[in-house]
Amino acid sequence: MVTFLIFLLLLVVCWPVAIIGLILYPIVWLILLPFRLAGIAVEGVLALVKALIFLPARVLGGSGRA
């Protein structure tokens, strides 16, 4: 809601910048989408590596707190 109000304020003060931002936002979102997907994949791989590293401690009866 606050973002929308800031956009409306920008629209009143400087409408060309607001219109350009409205047009460029989906384009920038599409450009950044592969990086977001890569970040999700890297986070999953790191979680898997962490689980494999802590597996012996869990098998031997560790406390489970990391």
Protein backbone atom coordinates (compact mmCIF):
# COMPACT_ATOMS: atom_id res chain seq x y z
CA MET A 1 0.00 0.00 0.00
CA VAL A 2 2.83 2.38 0.84
CA THR A 3 4.50 1.59 -2.48
CA PHE A 4 1.31 2.46 -4.32
CA LEU A 5 1.03 5.78 -2.48
CA ILE A 6 4.66 6.60 -3.31
CA PHE A 7 3.93 5.78 -6.96
CA LEU A 8 0.90 8.10 -6.91
CA LEU A 9 3.02 10.87 -5.41
CA LEU A 10 5.63 10.34 -8.11
CA LEU A 11 2.86 10.36 -10.72
CA VAL A 12 1.66 13.74 -9.51
CA VAL A 13 5.12 15.29 -9.12
CA CYS A 14 6.88 13.90 -12.18
CA TRP A 15 4.57 11.82 -14.36
CA PRO A 16 7.09 10.95 -17.14
CA VAL A 17 9.39 9.23 -14.63
CA ALA A 18 6.42 7.34 -13.17
CA ILE A 19 5.29 6.15 -16.61
CA ILE A 20 8.84 5.07 -17.55
CA GLY A 21 9.11 3.19 -14.26
CA LEU A 22 5.77 1.52 -14.90
CA ILE A 23 6.96 0.37 -18.33
CA LEU A 24 10.46 -0.72 -17.25
CA TYR A 25 9.43 -2.64 -14.11
CA PRO A 26 8.21 -5.81 -15.91
CA ILE A 27 11.25 -5.76 -18.23
CA VAL A 28 13.68 -5.54 -15.31
CA TRP A 29 11.73 -8.27 -13.50
CA LEU A 30 12.08 -10.58 -16.52
CA ILE A 31 15.80 -9.84 -16.80
CA LEU A 32 16.39 -10.62 -13.10
CA LEU A 33 14.27 -13.80 -13.10
CA PRO A 34 17.11 -16.16 -14.14
CA PHE A 35 19.29 -14.82 -11.32
CA ARG A 36 16.50 -15.44 -8.83
CA LEU A 37 16.08 -19.01 -10.09
CA ALA A 38 19.84 -19.56 -9.90
CA GLY A 39 19.81 -18.29 -6.31
CA ILE A 40 17.08 -20.77 -5.38
CA ALA A 41 19.07 -23.60 -6.98
CA VAL A 42 22.31 -22.60 -5.22
CA GLU A 43 20.48 -22.37 -1.89
CA GLY A 44 19.14 -25.89 -2.41
CA VAL A 45 22.58 -27.27 -3.24
CA LEU A 46 24.13 -25.62 -0.19
CA ALA A 47 21.37 -27.06 2.02
CA LEU A 48 22.10 -30.50 0.59
CA VAL A 49 25.85 -30.13 1.26
CA LYS A 50 25.15 -28.98 4.81
CA ALA A 51 22.86 -31.97 5.38
CA LEU A 52 25.54 -34.33 4.08
CA ILE A 53 28.21 -32.77 6.29
CA PHE A 54 26.06 -33.02 9.43
CA LEU A 55 24.75 -36.51 8.63
CA PRO A 56 27.39 -38.43 10.64
CA ALA A 57 26.68 -36.35 13.74
CA ARG A 58 22.95 -36.93 13.38
CA VAL A 59 23.43 -40.66 12.92
CA LEU A 60 25.67 -40.85 16.01
CA GLY A 61 23.06 -39.03 18.09
CA GLY A 62 23.98 -35.36 17.98
CA SER A 63 21.72 -32.79 19.54
CA GLY A 64 20.35 -31.67 16.16
CA ARG A 65 21.09 -28.00 16.78
CA ALA A 66 23.24 -26.33 14.15
